[in-house]
Amino acid sequence: MCGMLFELRDVRSEFETLMKNWFDKTQLLEPVFETYFGTMYNPGIYLHHKFLSLVQCVESYHRRAVRNCELPPDQAEKRTQEILSYAF
């Protein structure tokens, strides 16, 4: 189990902004939140599963929050289809 990272008194002056940001980003980041909290509040999880889940959270957050596509969407789709055609 993990303890509190901060208390209300630590964020009181920014509380409204923090809550607004949380709710504004909920739809986009809900899978990240669920994986993170499900991992952190599961006392019986094996250490390597915890590590893998947290890495997955970081990767998922990065993909959702940082739009750093190297190809335009149509070219990315074509590239994905080419890769998948070799895999299956």
PDB file of N, CA and C in Angstrom:
ATOM      1  N   MET A   1       0.845  -1.180   0.000  1.00  0.00           N
ATOM      2  CA  MET A   1       0.000   0.000   0.000  1.00  0.00           C
ATOM      3  C   MET A   1       0.885   1.236   0.000  1.00  0.00           C
ATOM      4  N   CYS A   2       0.468   2.244  -0.723  1.00  0.00           N
ATOM      5  CA  CYS A   2       1.272   3.466  -0.721  1.00  0.00           C
ATOM      6  C   CYS A   2       0.565   4.526   0.115  1.00  0.00           C
ATOM      7  N   GLY A   3       1.356   5.413   0.693  1.00  0.00           N
ATOM      8  CA  GLY A   3       0.808   6.468   1.528  1.00  0.00           C
ATOM      9  C   GLY A   3       0.392   7.670   0.702  1.00  0.00           C
ATOM     10  N   MET A   4      -0.088   8.671   1.379  1.00  0.00           N
ATOM     11  CA  MET A   4      -0.505   9.897   0.713  1.00  0.00           C
ATOM     12  C   MET A   4       0.724  10.617   0.159  1.00  0.00           C
ATOM     13  N   LEU A   5       0.634  11.045  -1.069  1.00  0.00           N
ATOM     14  CA  LEU A   5       1.737  11.773  -1.692  1.00  0.00           C
ATOM     15  C   LEU A   5       1.754  13.232  -1.257  1.00  0.00           C
ATOM     16  N   PHE A   6       0.582  13.744  -0.902  1.00  0.00           N
ATOM     17  CA  PHE A   6       0.473  15.126  -0.449  1.00  0.00           C
ATOM     18  C   PHE A   6      -0.827  15.255   0.324  1.00  0.00           C
ATOM     19  N   GLU A   7      -0.944  16.343   1.057  1.00  0.00           N
ATOM     20  CA  GLU A   7      -2.160  16.627   1.813  1.00  0.00           C
ATOM     21  C   GLU A   7      -2.845  17.847   1.218  1.00  0.00           C
ATOM     22  N   LEU A   8      -4.109  18.016   1.554  1.00  0.00           N
ATOM     23  CA  LEU A   8      -4.874  19.150   1.027  1.00  0.00           C
ATOM     24  C   LEU A   8      -4.171  20.470   1.304  1.00  0.00           C
ATOM     25  N   ARG A   9      -3.582  20.618   2.482  1.00  0.00           N
ATOM     26  CA  ARG A   9      -2.916  21.889   2.806  1.00  0.00           C
ATOM     27  C   ARG A   9      -1.760  22.186   1.846  1.00  0.00           C
ATOM     28  N   ASP A  10      -1.169  21.123   1.267  1.00  0.00           N
ATOM     29  CA  ASP A  10      -0.064  21.317   0.326  1.00  0.00           C
ATOM     30  C   ASP A  10      -0.529  21.872  -1.022  1.00  0.00           C
ATOM     31  N   VAL A  11      -1.773  21.631  -1.376  1.00  0.00           N
ATOM     32  CA  VAL A  11      -2.274  22.032  -2.697  1.00  0.00           C
ATOM     33  C   VAL A  11      -3.478  22.968  -2.620  1.00  0.00           C
ATOM     34  N   ARG A  12      -3.795  23.409  -1.435  1.00  0.00           N
ATOM     35  CA  ARG A  12      -5.008  24.222  -1.238  1.00  0.00           C
ATOM     36  C   ARG A  12      -5.076  25.398  -2.218  1.00  0.00           C
ATOM     37  N   SER A  13      -3.977  26.088  -2.425  1.00  0.00           N
ATOM     38  CA  SER A  13      -3.997  27.268  -3.301  1.00  0.00           C
ATOM     39  C   SER A  13      -4.206  26.901  -4.769  1.00  0.00           C
ATOM     40  N   GLU A  14      -3.916  25.656  -5.148  1.00  0.00           N
ATOM     41  CA  GLU A  14      -4.064  25.210  -6.541  1.00  0.00           C
ATOM     42  C   GLU A  14      -5.179  24.178  -6.710  1.00  0.00           C
ATOM     43  N   PHE A  15      -5.937  23.950  -5.661  1.00  0.00           N
ATOM     44  CA  PHE A  15      -6.909  22.859  -5.663  1.00  0.00           C
ATOM     45  C   PHE A  15      -7.919  22.953  -6.807  1.00  0.00           C
ATOM     46  N   GLU A  16      -8.486  24.131  -7.027  1.00  0.00           N
ATOM     47  CA  GLU A  16      -9.485  24.296  -8.086  1.00  0.00           C
ATOM     48  C   GLU A  16      -8.899  23.950  -9.457  1.00  0.00           C
ATOM     49  N   THR A  17      -7.701  24.420  -9.740  1.00  0.00           N
ATOM     50  CA  THR A  17      -7.043  24.131 -11.013  1.00  0.00           C
ATOM     51  C   THR A  17      -6.740  22.643 -11.143  1.00  0.00           C
ATOM     52  N   LEU A  18      -6.250  22.039 -10.083  1.00  0.00           N
ATOM     53  CA  LEU A  18      -5.942  20.605 -10.112  1.00  0.00           C
ATOM     54  C   LEU A  18      -7.190  19.772 -10.399  1.00  0.00           C
ATOM     55  N   MET A  19      -8.285  20.089  -9.731  1.00  0.00           N
ATOM     56  CA  MET A  19      -9.523  19.329  -9.941  1.00  0.00           C
ATOM     57  C   MET A  19     -10.071  19.544 -11.359  1.00  0.00           C
ATOM     58  N   LYS A  20     -10.007  20.780 -11.845  1.00  0.00           N
ATOM     59  CA  LYS A  20     -10.472  21.054 -13.206  1.00  0.00           C
ATOM     60  C   LYS A  20      -9.642  20.262 -14.212  1.00  0.00           C
ATOM     61  N   ASN A  21      -8.319  20.269 -14.059  1.00  0.00           N
ATOM     62  CA  ASN A  21      -7.452  19.502 -14.962  1.00  0.00           C
ATOM     63  C   ASN A  21      -7.757  18.012 -14.893  1.00  0.00           C
ATOM     64  N   TRP A  22      -7.965  17.506 -13.679  1.00  0.00           N
ATOM     65  CA  TRP A  22      -8.270  16.072 -13.506  1.00  0.00           C
ATOM     66  C   TRP A  22      -9.525  15.707 -14.305  1.00  0.00           C
ATOM     67  N   PHE A  23     -10.597  16.462 -14.116  1.00  0.00           N
ATOM     68  CA  PHE A  23     -11.854  16.133 -14.790  1.00  0.00           C
ATOM     69  C   PHE A  23     -11.802  16.418 -16.293  1.00  0.00           C
ATOM     70  N   ASP A  24     -11.068  17.434 -16.707  1.00  0.00           N
ATOM     71  CA  ASP A  24     -10.928  17.716 -18.138  1.00  0.00           C
ATOM     72  C   ASP A  24     -10.206  16.590 -18.872  1.00  0.00           C
ATOM     73  N   LYS A  25      -9.272  15.935 -18.192  1.00  0.00           N
ATOM     74  CA  LYS A  25      -8.454  14.905 -18.826  1.00  0.00           C
ATOM     75  C   LYS A  25      -8.928  13.483 -18.539  1.00  0.00           C
ATOM     76  N   THR A  26     -10.002  13.342 -17.778  1.00  0.00           N
ATOM     77  CA  THR A  26     -10.455  12.011 -17.375  1.00  0.00           C
ATOM     78  C   THR A  26     -10.741  11.102 -18.562  1.00  0.00           C
ATOM     79  N   GLN A  27     -11.484  11.563 -19.540  1.00  0.00           N
ATOM     80  CA  GLN A  27     -11.837  10.700 -20.666  1.00  0.00           C
ATOM     81  C   GLN A  27     -10.587  10.238 -21.414  1.00  0.00           C
ATOM     82  N   LEU A  28      -9.667  11.139 -21.655  1.00  0.00           N
ATOM     83  CA  LEU A  28      -8.446  10.799 -22.375  1.00  0.00           C
ATOM     84  C   LEU A  28      -7.546   9.854 -21.577  1.00  0.00           C
ATOM     85  N   LEU A  29      -7.437  10.098 -20.274  1.00  0.00           N
ATOM     86  CA  LEU A  29      -6.462   9.366 -19.469  1.00  0.00           C
ATOM     87  C   LEU A  29      -7.061   8.285 -18.563  1.00  0.00           C
ATOM     88  N   GLU A  30      -8.356   8.018 -18.671  1.00  0.00           N
ATOM     89  CA  GLU A  30      -8.986   7.043 -17.785  1.00  0.00           C
ATOM     90  C   GLU A  30      -8.290   5.675 -17.784  1.00  0.00           C
ATOM     91  N   PRO A  31      -7.911   5.120 -18.939  1.00  0.00           N
ATOM     92  CA  PRO A  31      -7.202   3.829 -18.891  1.00  0.00           C
ATOM     93  C   PRO A  31      -5.870   3.903 -18.134  1.00  0.00           C
ATOM     94  N   VAL A  32      -5.199   5.031 -18.233  1.00  0.00           N
ATOM     95  CA  VAL A  32      -3.938   5.216 -17.510  1.00  0.00           C
ATOM     96  C   VAL A  32      -4.221   5.276 -16.006  1.00  0.00           C
ATOM     97  N   PHE A  33      -5.227   6.066 -15.613  1.00  0.00           N
ATOM     98  CA  PHE A  33      -5.586   6.173 -14.200  1.00  0.00           C
ATOM     99  C   PHE A  33      -5.950   4.809 -13.631  1.00  0.00           C
ATOM    100  N   GLU A  34      -6.786   4.063 -14.354  1.00  0.00           N
ATOM    101  CA  GLU A  34      -7.249   2.765 -13.865  1.00  0.00           C
ATOM    102  C   GLU A  34      -6.086   1.788 -13.692  1.00  0.00           C
ATOM    103  N   THR A  35      -5.193   1.748 -14.663  1.00  0.00           N
ATOM    104  CA  THR A  35      -4.051   0.845 -14.565  1.00  0.00           C
ATOM    105  C   THR A  35      -3.136   1.258 -13.422  1.00  0.00           C
ATOM    106  N   TYR A  36      -2.876   2.555 -13.311  1.00  0.00           N
ATOM    107  CA  TYR A  36      -1.988   3.046 -12.264  1.00  0.00           C
ATOM    108  C   TYR A  36      -2.552   2.743 -10.871  1.00  0.00           C
ATOM    109  N   PHE A  37      -3.794   3.174 -10.618  1.00  0.00           N
ATOM    110  CA  PHE A  37      -4.357   2.983  -9.286  1.00  0.00           C
ATOM    111  C   PHE A  37      -4.606   1.506  -8.992  1.00  0.00           C
ATOM    112  N   GLY A  38      -4.986   0.739 -10.005  1.00  0.00           N
ATOM    113  CA  GLY A  38      -5.155  -0.697  -9.822  1.00  0.00           C
ATOM    114  C   GLY A  38      -3.854  -1.382  -9.453  1.00  0.00           C
ATOM    115  N   THR A  39      -2.764  -0.868  -9.958  1.00  0.00           N
ATOM    116  CA  THR A  39      -1.438  -1.414  -9.649  1.00  0.00           C
ATOM    117  C   THR A  39      -0.969  -0.981  -8.264  1.00  0.00           C
ATOM    118  N   MET A  40      -1.087   0.306  -7.988  1.00  0.00           N
ATOM    119  CA  MET A  40      -0.548   0.843  -6.739  1.00  0.00           C
ATOM    120  C   MET A  40      -1.335   0.372  -5.512  1.00  0.00           C
ATOM    121  N   TYR A  41      -2.620   0.107  -5.672  1.00  0.00           N
ATOM    122  CA  TYR A  41      -3.431  -0.275  -4.518  1.00  0.00           C
ATOM    123  C   TYR A  41      -3.761  -1.759  -4.516  1.00  0.00           C
ATOM    124  N   ASN A  42      -2.896  -2.569  -5.114  1.00  0.00           N
ATOM    125  CA  ASN A  42      -3.041  -4.020  -5.102  1.00  0.00           C
ATOM    126  C   ASN A  42      -1.863  -4.595  -4.313  1.00  0.00           C
ATOM    127  N   PRO A  43      -2.050  -4.845  -3.018  1.00  0.00           N
ATOM    128  CA  PRO A  43      -0.925  -5.268  -2.184  1.00  0.00           C
ATOM    129  C   PRO A  43      -0.365  -6.642  -2.547  1.00  0.00           C
ATOM    130  N   GLY A  44      -1.126  -7.465  -3.236  1.00  0.00           N
ATOM    131  CA  GLY A  44      -0.664  -8.809  -3.544  1.00  0.00           C
ATOM    132  C   GLY A  44       0.003  -8.965  -4.896  1.00  0.00           C
ATOM    133  N   ILE A  45       0.181  -7.868  -5.607  1.00  0.00           N
ATOM    134  CA  ILE A  45       0.725  -7.960  -6.957  1.00  0.00           C
ATOM    135  C   ILE A  45       2.222  -8.298  -6.898  1.00  0.00           C
ATOM    136  N   TYR A  46       2.653  -9.182  -7.776  1.00  0.00           N
ATOM    137  CA  TYR A  46       4.069  -9.526  -7.864  1.00  0.00           C
ATOM    138  C   TYR A  46       4.855  -8.313  -8.347  1.00  0.00           C
ATOM    139  N   LEU A  47       6.088  -8.195  -7.884  1.00  0.00           N
ATOM    140  CA  LEU A  47       6.909  -7.034  -8.199  1.00  0.00           C
ATOM    141  C   LEU A  47       7.098  -6.852  -9.710  1.00  0.00           C
ATOM    142  N   HIS A  48       7.350  -7.943 -10.446  1.00  0.00           N
ATOM    143  CA  HIS A  48       7.559  -7.780 -11.893  1.00  0.00           C
ATOM    144  C   HIS A  48       6.270  -7.382 -12.608  1.00  0.00           C
ATOM    145  N   HIS A  49       5.111  -7.802 -12.104  1.00  0.00           N
ATOM    146  CA  HIS A  49       3.850  -7.360 -12.692  1.00  0.00           C
ATOM    147  C   HIS A  49       3.618  -5.877 -12.395  1.00  0.00           C
ATOM    148  N   LYS A  50       4.000  -5.470 -11.185  1.00  0.00           N
ATOM    149  CA  LYS A  50       3.873  -4.061 -10.823  1.00  0.00           C
ATOM    150  C   LYS A  50       4.745  -3.207 -11.751  1.00  0.00           C
ATOM    151  N   PHE A  51       5.971  -3.640 -11.953  1.00  0.00           N
ATOM    152  CA  PHE A  51       6.882  -2.917 -12.838  1.00  0.00           C
ATOM    153  C   PHE A  51       6.315  -2.822 -14.253  1.00  0.00           C
ATOM    154  N   LEU A  52       5.866  -3.958 -14.801  1.00  0.00           N
ATOM    155  CA  LEU A  52       5.328  -3.961 -16.162  1.00  0.00           C
ATOM    156  C   LEU A  52       4.093  -3.077 -16.284  1.00  0.00           C
ATOM    157  N   SER A  53       3.231  -3.115 -15.280  1.00  0.00           N
ATOM    158  CA  SER A  53       2.027  -2.279 -15.310  1.00  0.00           C
ATOM    159  C   SER A  53       2.374  -0.796 -15.266  1.00  0.00           C
ATOM    160  N   LEU A  54       3.358  -0.446 -14.449  1.00  0.00           N
ATOM    161  CA  LEU A  54       3.743   0.963 -14.363  1.00  0.00           C
ATOM    162  C   LEU A  54       4.419   1.436 -15.643  1.00  0.00           C
ATOM    163  N   VAL A  55       5.210   0.583 -16.274  1.00  0.00           N
ATOM    164  CA  VAL A  55       5.801   0.930 -17.569  1.00  0.00           C
ATOM    165  C   VAL A  55       4.693   1.126 -18.604  1.00  0.00           C
ATOM    166  N   GLN A  56       3.694   0.247 -18.566  1.00  0.00           N
ATOM    167  CA  GLN A  56       2.562   0.382 -19.489  1.00  0.00           C
ATOM    168  C   GLN A  56       1.844   1.710 -19.246  1.00  0.00           C
ATOM    169  N   CYS A  57       1.710   2.115 -17.991  1.00  0.00           N
ATOM    170  CA  CYS A  57       1.088   3.404 -17.680  1.00  0.00           C
ATOM    171  C   CYS A  57       1.872   4.555 -18.294  1.00  0.00           C
ATOM    172  N   VAL A  58       3.179   4.511 -18.144  1.00  0.00           N
ATOM    173  CA  VAL A  58       4.021   5.584 -18.688  1.00  0.00           C
ATOM    174  C   VAL A  58       3.904   5.635 -20.208  1.00  0.00           C
ATOM    175  N   GLU A  59       3.961   4.462 -20.856  1.00  0.00           N
ATOM    176  CA  GLU A  59       3.855   4.418 -22.318  1.00  0.00           C
ATOM    177  C   GLU A  59       2.489   4.917 -22.783  1.00  0.00           C
ATOM    178  N   SER A  60       1.439   4.477 -22.106  1.00  0.00           N
ATOM    179  CA  SER A  60       0.094   4.886 -22.487  1.00  0.00           C
ATOM    180  C   SER A  60      -0.108   6.384 -22.271  1.00  0.00           C
ATOM    181  N   TYR A  61       0.380   6.881 -21.143  1.00  0.00           N
ATOM    182  CA  TYR A  61       0.280   8.321 -20.881  1.00  0.00           C
ATOM    183  C   TYR A  61       1.011   9.106 -21.965  1.00  0.00           C
ATOM    184  N   HIS A  62       2.208   8.685 -22.284  1.00  0.00           N
ATOM    185  CA  HIS A  62       3.000   9.396 -23.290  1.00  0.00           C
ATOM    186  C   HIS A  62       2.284   9.419 -24.637  1.00  0.00           C
ATOM    187  N   ARG A  63       1.736   8.289 -25.040  1.00  0.00           N
ATOM    188  CA  ARG A  63       1.052   8.215 -26.331  1.00  0.00           C
ATOM    189  C   ARG A  63      -0.181   9.108 -26.351  1.00  0.00           C
ATOM    190  N   ARG A  64      -0.886   9.177 -25.221  1.00  0.00           N
ATOM    191  CA  ARG A  64      -2.117   9.965 -25.172  1.00  0.00           C
ATOM    192  C   ARG A  64      -1.860  11.451 -24.967  1.00  0.00           C
ATOM    193  N   ALA A  65      -0.845  11.806 -24.202  1.00  0.00           N
ATOM    194  CA  ALA A  65      -0.610  13.199 -23.829  1.00  0.00           C
ATOM    195  C   ALA A  65       0.346  13.922 -24.765  1.00  0.00           C
ATOM    196  N   VAL A  66       1.272  13.193 -25.380  1.00  0.00           N
ATOM    197  CA  VAL A  66       2.264  13.813 -26.251  1.00  0.00           C
ATOM    198  C   VAL A  66       2.015  13.330 -27.673  1.00  0.00           C
ATOM    199  N   ARG A  67       1.466  14.187 -28.468  1.00  0.00           N
ATOM    200  CA  ARG A  67       1.166  13.830 -29.859  1.00  0.00           C
ATOM    201  C   ARG A  67       2.412  14.054 -30.708  1.00  0.00           C
ATOM    202  N   ASN A  68       3.253  13.044 -30.768  1.00  0.00           N
ATOM    203  CA  ASN A  68       4.517  13.179 -31.493  1.00  0.00           C
ATOM    204  C   ASN A  68       4.591  12.170 -32.637  1.00  0.00           C
ATOM    205  N   CYS A  69       3.582  12.169 -33.475  1.00  0.00           N
ATOM    206  CA  CYS A  69       3.536  11.245 -34.596  1.00  0.00           C
ATOM    207  C   CYS A  69       4.592  11.639 -35.624  1.00  0.00           C
ATOM    208  N   GLU A  70       5.310  10.653 -36.114  1.00  0.00           N
ATOM    209  CA  GLU A  70       6.329  10.956 -37.111  1.00  0.00           C
ATOM    210  C   GLU A  70       5.762  10.927 -38.527  1.00  0.00           C
ATOM    211  N   LEU A  71       4.579  10.356 -38.706  1.00  0.00           N
ATOM    212  CA  LEU A  71       3.942  10.296 -40.021  1.00  0.00           C
ATOM    213  C   LEU A  71       2.530  10.865 -39.948  1.00  0.00           C
ATOM    214  N   PRO A  72       2.033  11.420 -41.045  1.00  0.00           N
ATOM    215  CA  PRO A  72       0.627  11.825 -41.090  1.00  0.00           C
ATOM    216  C   PRO A  72      -0.265  10.589 -40.912  1.00  0.00           C
ATOM    217  N   PRO A  73      -1.483  10.758 -40.416  1.00  0.00           N
ATOM    218  CA  PRO A  73      -2.354   9.619 -40.119  1.00  0.00           C
ATOM    219  C   PRO A  73      -2.539   8.621 -41.267  1.00  0.00           C
ATOM    220  N   ASP A  74      -2.702   9.088 -42.505  1.00  0.00           N
ATOM    221  CA  ASP A  74      -2.918   8.157 -43.625  1.00  0.00           C
ATOM    222  C   ASP A  74      -1.672   7.313 -43.895  1.00  0.00           C
ATOM    223  N   GLN A  75      -0.494   7.931 -43.805  1.00  0.00           N
ATOM    224  CA  GLN A  75       0.745   7.178 -44.006  1.00  0.00           C
ATOM    225  C   GLN A  75       1.016   6.233 -42.834  1.00  0.00           C
ATOM    226  N   ALA A  76       0.657   6.660 -41.636  1.00  0.00           N
ATOM    227  CA  ALA A  76       0.841   5.798 -40.463  1.00  0.00           C
ATOM    228  C   ALA A  76      -0.046   4.553 -40.578  1.00  0.00           C
ATOM    229  N   GLU A  77      -1.276   4.745 -41.056  1.00  0.00           N
ATOM    230  CA  GLU A  77      -2.183   3.600 -41.233  1.00  0.00           C
ATOM    231  C   GLU A  77      -1.635   2.629 -42.275  1.00  0.00           C
ATOM    232  N   LYS A  78      -1.127   3.154 -43.374  1.00  0.00           N
ATOM    233  CA  LYS A  78      -0.531   2.306 -44.410  1.00  0.00           C
ATOM    234  C   LYS A  78       0.653   1.521 -43.842  1.00  0.00           C
ATOM    235  N   ARG A  79       1.486   2.200 -43.080  1.00  0.00           N
ATOM    236  CA  ARG A  79       2.645   1.547 -42.467  1.00  0.00           C
ATOM    237  C   ARG A  79       2.207   0.449 -41.493  1.00  0.00           C
ATOM    238  N   THR A  80       1.195   0.734 -40.699  1.00  0.00           N
ATOM    239  CA  THR A  80       0.665  -0.264 -39.761  1.00  0.00           C
ATOM    240  C   THR A  80       0.158  -1.488 -40.498  1.00  0.00           C
ATOM    241  N   GLN A  81      -0.573  -1.276 -41.587  1.00  0.00           N
ATOM    242  CA  GLN A  81      -1.110  -2.392 -42.357  1.00  0.00           C
ATOM    243  C   GLN A  81       0.020  -3.222 -42.971  1.00  0.00           C
ATOM    244  N   GLU A  82       1.071  -2.581 -43.437  1.00  0.00           N
ATOM    245  CA  GLU A  82       2.219  -3.301 -43.987  1.00  0.00           C
ATOM    246  C   GLU A  82       2.885  -4.165 -42.904  1.00  0.00           C
ATOM    247  N   ILE A  83       3.048  -3.607 -41.734  1.00  0.00           N
ATOM    248  CA  ILE A  83       3.659  -4.363 -40.631  1.00  0.00           C
ATOM    249  C   ILE A  83       2.793  -5.550 -40.248  1.00  0.00           C
ATOM    250  N   LEU A  84       1.492  -5.321 -40.144  1.00  0.00           N
ATOM    251  CA  LEU A  84       0.579  -6.393 -39.777  1.00  0.00           C
ATOM    252  C   LEU A  84       0.508  -7.495 -40.842  1.00  0.00           C
ATOM    253  N   SER A  85       0.683  -7.128 -42.089  1.00  0.00           N
ATOM    254  CA  SER A  85       0.632  -8.136 -43.154  1.00  0.00           C
ATOM    255  C   SER A  85       1.788  -9.122 -43.028  1.00  0.00           C
ATOM    256  N   TYR A  86       2.909  -8.688 -42.484  1.00  0.00           N
ATOM    257  CA  TYR A  86       4.043  -9.594 -42.261  1.00  0.00           C
ATOM    258  C   TYR A  86       3.834 -10.451 -41.014  1.00  0.00           C
ATOM    259  N   ALA A  87       3.154  -9.901 -40.025  1.00  0.00           N
ATOM    260  CA  ALA A  87       2.980 -10.606 -38.760  1.00  0.00           C
ATOM    261  C   ALA A  87       1.939 -11.713 -38.835  1.00  0.00           C
ATOM    262  N   PHE A  88       0.950 -11.551 -39.690  1.00  0.00           N
ATOM    263  CA  PHE A  88      -0.144 -12.528 -39.724  1.00  0.00           C
ATOM    264  C   PHE A  88      -0.218 -13.131 -41.086  1.00  0.00           C
TER     265      PHE A  88
END
